[in-house]
Amino acid sequence: MNGLGRLLIIMGLVLVAAGVIISIAQRIPWLGRLPGDIYIKKENFSFSFPLTTCILLSLLLSLILWLFRR
């Protein structure tokens, strides 16, 4: 059961971190509006795909995880 408890704690920390990131992300005005992000707006339809933002966040997360593993 020790492994299950550790897994639940890690999952809880990940959820808390995701909540904090979502709360802070709304205050960063350029997040999701970088060059290369796709945004289509029509009369009754809007579509947003932050491609560049996703790539930058992925690179940043990969760098952070790489640093922690060293």
Protein backbone atom coordinates (compact mmCIF):
# COMPACT_ATOMS: atom_id res chain seq x y z
CA MET A 1 0.00 0.00 0.00
CA ASN A 2 2.99 2.33 0.35
CA GLY A 3 3.19 2.71 -3.43
CA LEU A 4 -0.51 3.55 -3.68
CA GLY A 5 -0.26 6.26 -1.01
CA ARG A 6 2.73 7.83 -2.73
CA LEU A 7 0.88 7.75 -6.07
CA LEU A 8 -2.15 9.49 -4.56
CA ILE A 9 0.05 12.18 -2.99
CA ILE A 10 1.83 12.81 -6.29
CA MET A 11 -1.47 12.97 -8.18
CA GLY A 12 -2.80 15.47 -5.61
CA LEU A 13 0.29 17.65 -5.98
CA VAL A 14 -0.04 17.56 -9.76
CA LEU A 15 -3.69 18.66 -9.51
CA VAL A 16 -2.78 21.51 -7.15
CA ALA A 17 0.04 22.61 -9.47
CA ALA A 18 -2.33 22.50 -12.47
CA GLY A 19 -4.84 24.65 -10.56
CA VAL A 20 -2.19 27.21 -9.68
CA ILE A 21 -0.93 27.31 -13.26
CA ILE A 22 -4.45 27.81 -14.62
CA SER A 23 -5.08 30.61 -12.12
CA ILE A 24 -1.81 32.37 -12.98
CA ALA A 25 -2.12 31.79 -16.75
CA GLN A 26 -5.14 34.10 -16.93
CA ARG A 27 -2.96 36.99 -15.72
CA ILE A 28 -0.35 36.56 -18.47
CA PRO A 29 -1.75 38.55 -21.42
CA TRP A 30 0.49 37.12 -24.16
CA LEU A 31 -0.11 33.46 -23.26
CA GLY A 32 -2.14 31.94 -26.10
CA ARG A 33 -1.63 34.94 -28.37
CA LEU A 34 1.88 34.32 -29.66
CA PRO A 35 2.78 34.42 -33.37
CA GLY A 36 1.95 30.98 -34.73
CA ASP A 37 -1.07 30.46 -32.48
CA ILE A 38 -4.17 29.75 -34.53
CA TYR A 39 -7.29 31.74 -33.78
CA ILE A 40 -10.32 31.75 -36.09
CA LYS A 41 -13.37 33.86 -35.30
CA LYS A 42 -16.53 33.96 -37.39
CA GLU A 43 -20.06 35.15 -36.66
CA ASN A 44 -21.25 32.27 -34.47
CA PHE A 45 -18.02 30.31 -34.16
CA SER A 46 -14.58 30.77 -32.67
CA PHE A 47 -11.69 28.31 -32.66
CA SER A 48 -8.42 28.71 -30.81
CA PHE A 49 -5.39 26.42 -31.04
CA PRO A 50 -2.31 27.87 -29.30
CA LEU A 51 0.28 25.89 -31.25
CA THR A 52 3.31 28.06 -30.45
CA THR A 53 2.31 28.38 -26.81
CA CYS A 54 2.01 24.59 -26.52
CA ILE A 55 5.45 24.07 -28.06
CA LEU A 56 7.07 26.64 -25.74
CA LEU A 57 5.40 25.19 -22.65
CA SER A 58 6.45 21.69 -23.69
CA LEU A 59 10.07 22.80 -24.12
CA LEU A 60 10.01 24.57 -20.75
CA LEU A 61 8.52 21.56 -18.97
CA SER A 62 11.03 19.23 -20.66
CA LEU A 63 13.90 21.44 -19.51
CA ILE A 64 12.60 21.55 -15.93
CA LEU A 65 12.14 17.77 -15.80
CA TRP A 66 15.59 17.23 -17.33
CA LEU A 67 17.14 19.45 -14.66
CA PHE A 68 15.36 17.55 -11.87
CA ARG A 69 16.59 14.20 -13.18
CA ARG A 70 20.24 15.28 -13.13
